N, C-alpha and C. Protein backbone atom coordinates (compact mmCIF):
# COMPACT_ATOMS: atom_id res chain seq x y z
N MET A 1 2.88 1.36 -13.09
CA MET A 1 3.26 2.53 -12.32
C MET A 1 2.03 3.05 -11.58
N PRO A 2 2.14 3.28 -10.26
CA PRO A 2 1.00 3.76 -9.49
C PRO A 2 0.59 5.17 -9.91
N ASN A 3 -0.70 5.42 -9.81
CA ASN A 3 -1.24 6.73 -10.19
C ASN A 3 -1.82 7.39 -8.95
N ILE A 4 -1.20 8.48 -8.52
CA ILE A 4 -1.65 9.17 -7.31
C ILE A 4 -3.08 9.70 -7.48
N LEU A 5 -3.47 10.01 -8.70
CA LEU A 5 -4.83 10.49 -8.93
C LEU A 5 -5.86 9.38 -8.80
N ASP A 6 -5.40 8.13 -8.78
CA ASP A 6 -6.26 6.96 -8.65
C ASP A 6 -6.08 6.31 -7.28
N ARG A 7 -5.58 7.07 -6.35
CA ARG A 7 -5.32 6.62 -4.98
C ARG A 7 -6.64 6.21 -4.32
N LEU A 8 -6.66 5.05 -3.68
CA LEU A 8 -7.87 4.59 -2.99
C LEU A 8 -8.18 5.51 -1.82
N PRO A 9 -9.46 5.86 -1.62
CA PRO A 9 -9.82 6.76 -0.52
C PRO A 9 -9.60 6.14 0.86
N GLN A 10 -9.46 4.83 0.94
CA GLN A 10 -9.22 4.15 2.21
C GLN A 10 -7.82 4.41 2.76
N ASN A 11 -6.89 4.84 1.91
CA ASN A 11 -5.51 5.08 2.35
C ASN A 11 -5.44 6.17 3.41
N ALA A 12 -4.59 5.93 4.42
CA ALA A 12 -4.30 6.97 5.40
C ALA A 12 -3.52 8.08 4.69
N PRO A 13 -3.76 9.33 5.04
CA PRO A 13 -2.99 10.42 4.42
C PRO A 13 -1.50 10.24 4.68
N GLY A 14 -0.70 10.55 3.67
CA GLY A 14 0.74 10.46 3.82
C GLY A 14 1.45 10.00 2.57
N ARG A 15 2.69 9.66 2.71
CA ARG A 15 3.57 9.42 1.56
C ARG A 15 3.30 8.13 0.80
N PHE A 16 2.84 7.06 1.45
CA PHE A 16 2.56 5.80 0.75
C PHE A 16 1.07 5.67 0.48
N TYR A 17 0.75 5.04 -0.64
CA TYR A 17 -0.65 4.83 -1.01
C TYR A 17 -0.76 3.62 -1.93
N VAL A 18 -1.98 3.11 -2.07
CA VAL A 18 -2.31 2.05 -3.01
C VAL A 18 -3.36 2.61 -3.95
N ASP A 19 -3.21 2.34 -5.26
CA ASP A 19 -4.21 2.82 -6.20
C ASP A 19 -5.18 1.70 -6.58
N SER A 20 -6.13 2.00 -7.43
CA SER A 20 -7.23 1.07 -7.73
C SER A 20 -6.83 -0.11 -8.61
N THR A 21 -5.55 -0.19 -9.02
CA THR A 21 -5.12 -1.34 -9.82
C THR A 21 -4.74 -2.54 -8.96
N CYS A 22 -4.84 -2.39 -7.64
CA CYS A 22 -4.51 -3.47 -6.70
C CYS A 22 -5.38 -4.70 -6.97
N ILE A 23 -4.74 -5.87 -7.00
CA ILE A 23 -5.46 -7.14 -7.19
C ILE A 23 -5.55 -7.92 -5.88
N ASP A 24 -5.13 -7.30 -4.80
CA ASP A 24 -5.18 -7.90 -3.47
C ASP A 24 -4.49 -9.26 -3.43
N CYS A 25 -3.25 -9.27 -3.88
CA CYS A 25 -2.47 -10.52 -3.91
C CYS A 25 -2.02 -10.94 -2.52
N GLY A 26 -2.04 -10.01 -1.56
CA GLY A 26 -1.64 -10.33 -0.20
C GLY A 26 -0.20 -10.02 0.13
N LEU A 27 0.58 -9.58 -0.85
CA LEU A 27 2.00 -9.33 -0.60
C LEU A 27 2.22 -8.18 0.38
N CYS A 28 1.55 -7.06 0.19
CA CYS A 28 1.84 -5.91 1.05
C CYS A 28 1.42 -6.14 2.51
N PRO A 29 0.22 -6.72 2.79
CA PRO A 29 -0.09 -6.99 4.19
C PRO A 29 0.84 -8.03 4.83
N SER A 30 1.37 -8.95 4.03
CA SER A 30 2.29 -9.93 4.61
C SER A 30 3.69 -9.34 4.79
N THR A 31 4.07 -8.38 3.96
CA THR A 31 5.38 -7.74 4.07
C THR A 31 5.41 -6.69 5.17
N ALA A 32 4.36 -5.87 5.23
CA ALA A 32 4.29 -4.78 6.22
C ALA A 32 2.90 -4.77 6.86
N PRO A 33 2.60 -5.77 7.70
CA PRO A 33 1.26 -5.92 8.27
C PRO A 33 0.82 -4.78 9.19
N ASN A 34 1.76 -4.02 9.69
CA ASN A 34 1.40 -2.88 10.54
C ASN A 34 1.03 -1.64 9.73
N HIS A 35 1.08 -1.77 8.38
CA HIS A 35 0.83 -0.61 7.53
C HIS A 35 -0.18 -0.87 6.42
N PHE A 36 -0.28 -2.10 5.96
CA PHE A 36 -1.21 -2.45 4.88
C PHE A 36 -2.28 -3.39 5.41
N ARG A 37 -3.49 -3.21 4.90
CA ARG A 37 -4.61 -4.03 5.33
C ARG A 37 -5.55 -4.24 4.14
N ARG A 38 -6.28 -5.35 4.16
CA ARG A 38 -7.25 -5.65 3.11
C ARG A 38 -8.60 -5.06 3.47
N ASP A 39 -9.26 -4.47 2.48
CA ASP A 39 -10.64 -4.00 2.64
C ASP A 39 -11.52 -5.06 1.98
N ASP A 40 -12.27 -5.81 2.79
CA ASP A 40 -13.10 -6.89 2.27
C ASP A 40 -14.19 -6.40 1.32
N GLU A 41 -14.69 -5.20 1.55
CA GLU A 41 -15.77 -4.67 0.70
C GLU A 41 -15.32 -4.41 -0.73
N ILE A 42 -14.12 -3.89 -0.88
CA ILE A 42 -13.64 -3.57 -2.24
C ILE A 42 -12.70 -4.63 -2.79
N GLY A 43 -12.22 -5.53 -1.93
CA GLY A 43 -11.32 -6.59 -2.39
C GLY A 43 -9.96 -6.06 -2.80
N GLN A 44 -9.48 -5.04 -2.10
CA GLN A 44 -8.17 -4.47 -2.38
C GLN A 44 -7.50 -4.12 -1.06
N SER A 45 -6.19 -3.98 -1.11
CA SER A 45 -5.44 -3.58 0.08
C SER A 45 -5.19 -2.08 0.04
N PHE A 46 -4.89 -1.52 1.20
CA PHE A 46 -4.64 -0.09 1.31
C PHE A 46 -3.70 0.17 2.47
N VAL A 47 -3.19 1.39 2.54
CA VAL A 47 -2.32 1.80 3.65
C VAL A 47 -3.23 2.30 4.77
N PHE A 48 -3.25 1.59 5.90
CA PHE A 48 -4.10 2.04 7.00
C PHE A 48 -3.32 2.83 8.04
N ARG A 49 -1.99 2.69 8.03
CA ARG A 49 -1.14 3.47 8.93
C ARG A 49 0.17 3.77 8.22
N GLN A 50 0.51 5.04 8.15
CA GLN A 50 1.74 5.45 7.49
C GLN A 50 2.94 5.10 8.36
N PRO A 51 4.06 4.74 7.71
CA PRO A 51 5.27 4.42 8.48
C PRO A 51 5.86 5.67 9.11
N GLU A 52 6.53 5.47 10.24
CA GLU A 52 7.16 6.59 10.94
C GLU A 52 8.66 6.42 11.08
N THR A 53 9.12 5.20 11.32
CA THR A 53 10.55 4.98 11.53
C THR A 53 11.20 4.55 10.20
N GLU A 54 12.51 4.60 10.18
CA GLU A 54 13.24 4.16 8.99
C GLU A 54 12.97 2.68 8.70
N GLU A 55 12.86 1.87 9.75
CA GLU A 55 12.58 0.45 9.57
C GLU A 55 11.19 0.25 8.95
N GLU A 56 10.21 1.01 9.42
CA GLU A 56 8.86 0.91 8.87
C GLU A 56 8.82 1.38 7.41
N ILE A 57 9.54 2.44 7.12
CA ILE A 57 9.62 2.95 5.75
C ILE A 57 10.25 1.89 4.84
N ALA A 58 11.29 1.24 5.35
CA ALA A 58 11.96 0.19 4.56
C ALA A 58 11.00 -0.96 4.26
N LEU A 59 10.17 -1.35 5.22
CA LEU A 59 9.19 -2.42 4.98
C LEU A 59 8.15 -2.00 3.93
N CYS A 60 7.69 -0.76 4.01
CA CYS A 60 6.73 -0.27 3.02
C CYS A 60 7.36 -0.19 1.63
N ARG A 61 8.61 0.20 1.56
CA ARG A 61 9.31 0.22 0.27
C ARG A 61 9.51 -1.19 -0.27
N GLU A 62 9.75 -2.15 0.61
CA GLU A 62 9.88 -3.53 0.19
C GLU A 62 8.55 -4.02 -0.42
N ALA A 63 7.45 -3.66 0.20
CA ALA A 63 6.13 -4.01 -0.35
C ALA A 63 5.92 -3.32 -1.70
N LEU A 64 6.30 -2.06 -1.80
CA LEU A 64 6.18 -1.30 -3.05
C LEU A 64 6.97 -1.98 -4.16
N GLU A 65 8.20 -2.34 -3.87
CA GLU A 65 9.07 -2.95 -4.88
C GLU A 65 8.60 -4.34 -5.30
N GLY A 66 7.94 -5.05 -4.39
CA GLY A 66 7.48 -6.39 -4.70
C GLY A 66 6.09 -6.47 -5.31
N CYS A 67 5.38 -5.37 -5.31
CA CYS A 67 3.99 -5.35 -5.79
C CYS A 67 3.92 -5.77 -7.26
N PRO A 68 3.22 -6.87 -7.57
CA PRO A 68 3.20 -7.37 -8.95
C PRO A 68 2.44 -6.48 -9.93
N THR A 69 1.56 -5.63 -9.42
CA THR A 69 0.80 -4.74 -10.31
C THR A 69 1.27 -3.29 -10.23
N GLU A 70 2.33 -3.06 -9.46
CA GLU A 70 2.87 -1.70 -9.27
C GLU A 70 1.78 -0.74 -8.81
N SER A 71 0.97 -1.20 -7.85
CA SER A 71 -0.15 -0.41 -7.35
C SER A 71 0.19 0.42 -6.13
N ILE A 72 1.37 0.23 -5.55
CA ILE A 72 1.78 0.98 -4.37
C ILE A 72 2.67 2.14 -4.82
N GLY A 73 2.34 3.32 -4.32
CA GLY A 73 3.12 4.50 -4.67
C GLY A 73 3.69 5.18 -3.44
N GLU A 74 4.70 6.00 -3.69
CA GLU A 74 5.31 6.82 -2.65
C GLU A 74 5.44 8.23 -3.20
N GLU A 75 4.89 9.18 -2.47
CA GLU A 75 4.97 10.58 -2.91
C GLU A 75 6.36 11.12 -2.68
């Protein structure tokens, strides 16, 4: 379960976030590449742009549901 108090500082402000339990498996950037990106310095992915449309929200939720470490959260 994602922990909002452990939210990575690289995340864009908003409803979706990635916490520090991310193992950078690549699922979220491949599912929603316009919203998730890998940070090479920390070796984890984060939300670089929050979704705006229903379609974008659905893609971010798909990434959240598929995350093997449950590191993606939604406020």
